[in-house]
Amino acid sequence: MKQEKKRNIDEWIQIIKKQEASGLTVKEFCKAEGVGTWSFYQWRKRIRLKSDKNVIKTDNFEKNTFLELGKIPVPSGLNSGSESASGTWSVILTFGNELMMTVRRN
């Protein structure tokens, strides 16, 4: 059995990004690059878990808890009762590299 090259976490991050950009399946990519499929999946899982732990850094945050953002302030110079104050606004939330949610009011 051939022993795999030892790689550090930064090398695995680059390998995982390269696979995602390649358009190949994990199996095809690993065969072409000489990377063990089992190692690839284990490192990808480890890196994802590590990045998930760093997403929210709030002492009082609990899973499945509503996070109150408060009111969106009315720009100065606008009367809060006027039609223009209740006009257009948008909120954009970005989740990771590929998922974005936009909420707009026109």
N, C-alpha and C. Protein backbone atom coordinates (compact mmCIF):
# COMPACT_ATOMS: atom_id res chain seq x y z
N MET A 1 0.85 -1.19 0.00
CA MET A 1 0.00 0.00 0.00
C MET A 1 0.89 1.25 0.00
N LYS A 2 0.61 2.18 -0.87
CA LYS A 2 1.37 3.41 -1.01
C LYS A 2 0.99 4.40 0.09
N GLN A 3 2.01 4.96 0.76
CA GLN A 3 1.75 5.93 1.83
C GLN A 3 1.56 7.31 1.22
N GLU A 4 0.54 8.02 1.71
CA GLU A 4 0.26 9.37 1.21
C GLU A 4 1.24 10.39 1.76
N LYS A 5 1.43 11.46 1.00
CA LYS A 5 2.25 12.58 1.44
C LYS A 5 1.55 13.26 2.62
N LYS A 6 2.31 13.63 3.63
CA LYS A 6 1.74 14.37 4.76
C LYS A 6 1.56 15.82 4.34
N ARG A 7 0.36 16.34 4.60
CA ARG A 7 0.03 17.72 4.23
C ARG A 7 -0.48 18.46 5.45
N ASN A 8 -0.25 19.77 5.48
CA ASN A 8 -0.79 20.57 6.57
C ASN A 8 -2.16 21.11 6.19
N ILE A 9 -2.82 21.77 7.12
CA ILE A 9 -4.19 22.24 6.90
C ILE A 9 -4.28 23.23 5.74
N ASP A 10 -3.27 24.10 5.59
CA ASP A 10 -3.30 25.06 4.48
C ASP A 10 -3.23 24.37 3.12
N GLU A 11 -2.44 23.30 3.04
CA GLU A 11 -2.36 22.54 1.79
C GLU A 11 -3.70 21.86 1.50
N TRP A 12 -4.36 21.34 2.55
CA TRP A 12 -5.66 20.69 2.34
C TRP A 12 -6.73 21.69 1.92
N ILE A 13 -6.68 22.88 2.48
CA ILE A 13 -7.64 23.93 2.07
C ILE A 13 -7.49 24.21 0.58
N GLN A 14 -6.26 24.31 0.10
CA GLN A 14 -6.01 24.58 -1.32
C GLN A 14 -6.46 23.40 -2.19
N ILE A 15 -6.22 22.17 -1.72
CA ILE A 15 -6.65 20.98 -2.47
C ILE A 15 -8.17 20.96 -2.58
N ILE A 16 -8.86 21.25 -1.49
CA ILE A 16 -10.33 21.23 -1.49
C ILE A 16 -10.88 22.31 -2.42
N LYS A 17 -10.29 23.50 -2.37
CA LYS A 17 -10.74 24.57 -3.28
C LYS A 17 -10.50 24.18 -4.74
N LYS A 18 -9.36 23.56 -4.99
CA LYS A 18 -9.03 23.13 -6.36
C LYS A 18 -10.03 22.10 -6.86
N GLN A 19 -10.42 21.16 -5.99
CA GLN A 19 -11.41 20.15 -6.39
C GLN A 19 -12.75 20.80 -6.69
N GLU A 20 -13.18 21.74 -5.84
CA GLU A 20 -14.48 22.40 -6.04
C GLU A 20 -14.50 23.17 -7.35
N ALA A 21 -13.36 23.77 -7.72
CA ALA A 21 -13.29 24.54 -8.96
C ALA A 21 -13.11 23.66 -10.20
N SER A 22 -12.68 22.41 -9.98
CA SER A 22 -12.34 21.54 -11.11
C SER A 22 -13.54 21.02 -11.90
N GLY A 23 -14.69 20.90 -11.23
CA GLY A 23 -15.84 20.31 -11.89
C GLY A 23 -15.82 18.78 -11.88
N LEU A 24 -14.77 18.20 -11.31
CA LEU A 24 -14.67 16.74 -11.21
C LEU A 24 -15.33 16.26 -9.93
N THR A 25 -15.73 14.99 -9.94
CA THR A 25 -16.21 14.40 -8.69
C THR A 25 -15.00 14.25 -7.77
N VAL A 26 -15.27 14.04 -6.49
CA VAL A 26 -14.17 13.86 -5.54
C VAL A 26 -13.32 12.66 -5.95
N LYS A 27 -13.97 11.58 -6.31
CA LYS A 27 -13.25 10.37 -6.71
C LYS A 27 -12.35 10.62 -7.92
N GLU A 28 -12.89 11.28 -8.95
CA GLU A 28 -12.10 11.58 -10.15
C GLU A 28 -10.93 12.50 -9.83
N PHE A 29 -11.20 13.53 -9.04
CA PHE A 29 -10.17 14.49 -8.67
C PHE A 29 -9.05 13.81 -7.88
N CYS A 30 -9.42 13.04 -6.88
CA CYS A 30 -8.42 12.39 -6.03
C CYS A 30 -7.54 11.44 -6.83
N LYS A 31 -8.14 10.72 -7.76
CA LYS A 31 -7.37 9.80 -8.60
C LYS A 31 -6.38 10.58 -9.46
N ALA A 32 -6.83 11.67 -10.07
CA ALA A 32 -5.98 12.47 -10.94
C ALA A 32 -4.85 13.16 -10.18
N GLU A 33 -5.11 13.55 -8.93
CA GLU A 33 -4.13 14.30 -8.14
C GLU A 33 -3.30 13.41 -7.21
N GLY A 34 -3.64 12.12 -7.14
CA GLY A 34 -2.91 11.22 -6.26
C GLY A 34 -3.20 11.47 -4.79
N VAL A 35 -4.44 11.84 -4.51
CA VAL A 35 -4.87 12.12 -3.14
C VAL A 35 -5.83 11.01 -2.72
N GLY A 36 -5.68 10.53 -1.50
CA GLY A 36 -6.58 9.49 -1.01
C GLY A 36 -7.99 10.05 -0.81
N THR A 37 -8.98 9.33 -1.32
CA THR A 37 -10.37 9.78 -1.21
C THR A 37 -10.80 9.89 0.25
N TRP A 38 -10.46 8.89 1.05
CA TRP A 38 -10.83 8.91 2.47
C TRP A 38 -10.21 10.13 3.15
N SER A 39 -8.94 10.39 2.89
CA SER A 39 -8.25 11.54 3.49
C SER A 39 -8.92 12.85 3.06
N PHE A 40 -9.27 12.91 1.77
CA PHE A 40 -9.92 14.12 1.26
C PHE A 40 -11.20 14.40 2.04
N TYR A 41 -12.07 13.39 2.17
CA TYR A 41 -13.34 13.59 2.87
C TYR A 41 -13.12 13.94 4.35
N GLN A 42 -12.17 13.30 4.99
CA GLN A 42 -11.89 13.58 6.40
C GLN A 42 -11.40 15.01 6.60
N TRP A 43 -10.47 15.44 5.75
CA TRP A 43 -9.97 16.80 5.87
C TRP A 43 -11.04 17.83 5.53
N ARG A 44 -11.85 17.55 4.52
CA ARG A 44 -12.91 18.49 4.16
C ARG A 44 -13.89 18.65 5.33
N LYS A 45 -14.24 17.54 5.96
CA LYS A 45 -15.14 17.58 7.12
C LYS A 45 -14.50 18.37 8.26
N ARG A 46 -13.23 18.09 8.55
CA ARG A 46 -12.52 18.78 9.63
C ARG A 46 -12.44 20.29 9.39
N ILE A 47 -12.15 20.67 8.16
CA ILE A 47 -12.03 22.10 7.82
C ILE A 47 -13.39 22.78 7.90
N ARG A 48 -14.44 22.13 7.43
CA ARG A 48 -15.79 22.71 7.51
C ARG A 48 -16.22 22.89 8.96
N LEU A 49 -15.96 21.90 9.81
CA LEU A 49 -16.32 22.01 11.22
C LEU A 49 -15.56 23.15 11.88
N LYS A 50 -14.29 23.28 11.54
CA LYS A 50 -13.47 24.35 12.10
C LYS A 50 -14.00 25.72 11.67
N SER A 51 -14.37 25.86 10.39
CA SER A 51 -14.87 27.15 9.92
C SER A 51 -16.25 27.45 10.50
N ASP A 52 -17.09 26.42 10.71
CA ASP A 52 -18.41 26.63 11.30
C ASP A 52 -18.30 27.18 12.73
N LYS A 53 -17.29 26.76 13.46
CA LYS A 53 -17.11 27.23 14.84
C LYS A 53 -16.74 28.70 14.89
N ASN A 54 -16.19 29.23 13.81
CA ASN A 54 -15.74 30.61 13.78
C ASN A 54 -16.76 31.58 13.19
N VAL A 55 -17.91 31.08 12.80
CA VAL A 55 -18.89 31.92 12.12
C VAL A 55 -19.52 32.94 13.07
N ILE A 56 -20.02 32.50 14.21
CA ILE A 56 -20.71 33.39 15.14
C ILE A 56 -19.90 33.49 16.42
N LYS A 57 -19.52 34.70 16.77
CA LYS A 57 -18.74 34.92 17.98
C LYS A 57 -19.54 35.83 18.91
N THR A 58 -20.61 35.29 19.46
CA THR A 58 -21.47 36.03 20.38
C THR A 58 -21.66 35.19 21.62
N ASP A 59 -21.43 35.77 22.80
CA ASP A 59 -21.52 35.02 24.05
C ASP A 59 -22.92 34.48 24.31
N ASN A 60 -23.96 35.24 23.97
CA ASN A 60 -25.33 34.87 24.32
C ASN A 60 -26.08 34.17 23.20
N PHE A 61 -25.40 33.75 22.14
CA PHE A 61 -26.07 33.13 21.01
C PHE A 61 -26.35 31.67 21.29
N GLU A 62 -27.58 31.24 21.02
CA GLU A 62 -27.94 29.83 21.13
C GLU A 62 -28.49 29.39 19.78
N LYS A 63 -28.27 28.12 19.45
CA LYS A 63 -28.77 27.58 18.19
C LYS A 63 -30.29 27.72 18.14
N ASN A 64 -30.81 28.06 16.95
CA ASN A 64 -32.24 28.22 16.70
C ASN A 64 -32.84 29.39 17.49
N THR A 65 -32.05 30.38 17.78
CA THR A 65 -32.51 31.56 18.48
C THR A 65 -32.67 32.69 17.47
N PHE A 66 -33.73 33.46 17.62
CA PHE A 66 -33.94 34.62 16.77
C PHE A 66 -32.96 35.71 17.17
N LEU A 67 -32.27 36.30 16.23
CA LEU A 67 -31.31 37.35 16.50
C LEU A 67 -31.96 38.68 16.13
N GLU A 68 -32.28 39.50 17.10
CA GLU A 68 -32.94 40.79 16.89
C GLU A 68 -31.91 41.79 16.36
N LEU A 69 -32.19 42.36 15.20
CA LEU A 69 -31.29 43.34 14.61
C LEU A 69 -31.71 44.77 14.92
N GLY A 70 -32.91 44.95 15.41
CA GLY A 70 -33.39 46.29 15.73
C GLY A 70 -34.01 46.98 14.54
N LYS A 71 -34.38 48.24 14.73
CA LYS A 71 -35.01 49.01 13.65
C LYS A 71 -33.97 49.57 12.72
N ILE A 72 -34.35 49.69 11.45
CA ILE A 72 -33.50 50.36 10.49
C ILE A 72 -33.73 51.85 10.65
N PRO A 73 -32.69 52.61 10.96
CA PRO A 73 -32.89 54.04 11.21
C PRO A 73 -33.30 54.79 9.94
N VAL A 74 -34.12 55.81 10.14
CA VAL A 74 -34.54 56.68 9.05
C VAL A 74 -33.41 57.67 8.81
N PRO A 75 -32.96 57.81 7.56
CA PRO A 75 -31.88 58.77 7.29
C PRO A 75 -32.27 60.18 7.73
N SER A 76 -31.29 60.92 8.22
CA SER A 76 -31.56 62.28 8.70
C SER A 76 -32.14 63.13 7.57
N GLY A 77 -33.03 64.01 7.92
CA GLY A 77 -33.67 64.87 6.94
C GLY A 77 -35.00 64.33 6.44
N LEU A 78 -35.33 63.08 6.79
CA LEU A 78 -36.61 62.52 6.38
C LEU A 78 -37.54 62.48 7.58
N ASN A 79 -38.77 62.83 7.37
CA ASN A 79 -39.78 62.76 8.42
C ASN A 79 -40.25 61.32 8.49
N SER A 80 -40.21 60.71 9.67
CA SER A 80 -40.56 59.29 9.79
C SER A 80 -42.00 59.01 9.37
N GLY A 81 -42.86 60.02 9.31
CA GLY A 81 -44.25 59.81 8.89
C GLY A 81 -44.45 60.03 7.41
N SER A 82 -43.43 60.50 6.72
CA SER A 82 -43.61 60.81 5.30
C SER A 82 -43.52 59.54 4.45
N GLU A 83 -44.03 59.64 3.24
CA GLU A 83 -44.01 58.51 2.32
C GLU A 83 -42.60 58.13 1.93
N SER A 84 -41.72 59.12 1.77
CA SER A 84 -40.36 58.83 1.33
C SER A 84 -39.57 58.10 2.40
N ALA A 85 -39.90 58.28 3.67
CA ALA A 85 -39.18 57.58 4.74
C ALA A 85 -39.48 56.10 4.73
N SER A 86 -40.63 55.71 4.23
CA SER A 86 -40.97 54.29 4.21
C SER A 86 -40.69 53.70 2.84
N GLY A 87 -39.84 54.36 2.07
CA GLY A 87 -39.54 53.93 0.70
C GLY A 87 -38.66 52.70 0.62
N THR A 88 -37.68 52.75 -0.25
CA THR A 88 -36.85 51.59 -0.58
C THR A 88 -35.74 51.37 0.44
N TRP A 89 -35.55 50.11 0.80
CA TRP A 89 -34.40 49.70 1.61
C TRP A 89 -34.09 48.25 1.29
N SER A 90 -32.90 47.81 1.63
CA SER A 90 -32.54 46.41 1.42
C SER A 90 -31.58 45.94 2.50
N VAL A 91 -31.66 44.65 2.79
CA VAL A 91 -30.77 44.00 3.74
C VAL A 91 -30.17 42.81 3.01
N ILE A 92 -28.84 42.69 3.04
CA ILE A 92 -28.17 41.59 2.37
C ILE A 92 -27.41 40.79 3.41
N LEU A 93 -27.70 39.49 3.46
CA LEU A 93 -27.02 38.57 4.36
C LEU A 93 -26.20 37.60 3.51
N THR A 94 -24.93 37.42 3.85
CA THR A 94 -24.07 36.52 3.12
C THR A 94 -23.72 35.34 4.01
N PHE A 95 -23.98 34.13 3.51
CA PHE A 95 -23.70 32.90 4.23
C PHE A 95 -22.62 32.14 3.47
N GLY A 96 -21.40 32.18 3.94
CA GLY A 96 -20.33 31.46 3.26
C GLY A 96 -20.02 32.06 1.92
N ASN A 97 -19.46 31.26 1.03
CA ASN A 97 -18.99 31.75 -0.26
C ASN A 97 -20.06 31.80 -1.34
N GLU A 98 -21.09 30.98 -1.22
CA GLU A 98 -21.99 30.84 -2.35
C GLU A 98 -23.45 31.19 -2.09
N LEU A 99 -23.81 31.49 -0.85
CA LEU A 99 -25.22 31.72 -0.54
C LEU A 99 -25.41 33.14 -0.02
N MET A 100 -26.33 33.85 -0.66
CA MET A 100 -26.63 35.22 -0.27
C MET A 100 -28.13 35.40 -0.26
N MET A 101 -28.64 36.10 0.75
CA MET A 101 -30.07 36.37 0.83
C MET A 101 -30.26 37.89 0.86
N THR A 102 -31.12 38.39 0.01
CA THR A 102 -31.42 39.82 -0.05
C THR A 102 -32.89 40.04 0.25
N VAL A 103 -33.17 40.95 1.16
CA VAL A 103 -34.55 41.34 1.50
C VAL A 103 -34.68 42.79 1.12
N ARG A 104 -35.65 43.10 0.26
CA ARG A 104 -35.84 44.47 -0.22
C ARG A 104 -37.25 44.95 0.02
N ARG A 105 -37.35 46.24 0.23
CA ARG A 105 -38.66 46.88 0.27
C ARG A 105 -38.62 48.02 -0.71
N ASN A 106 -39.55 47.98 -1.65
CA ASN A 106 -39.61 49.04 -2.68
C ASN A 106 -40.79 49.94 -2.44
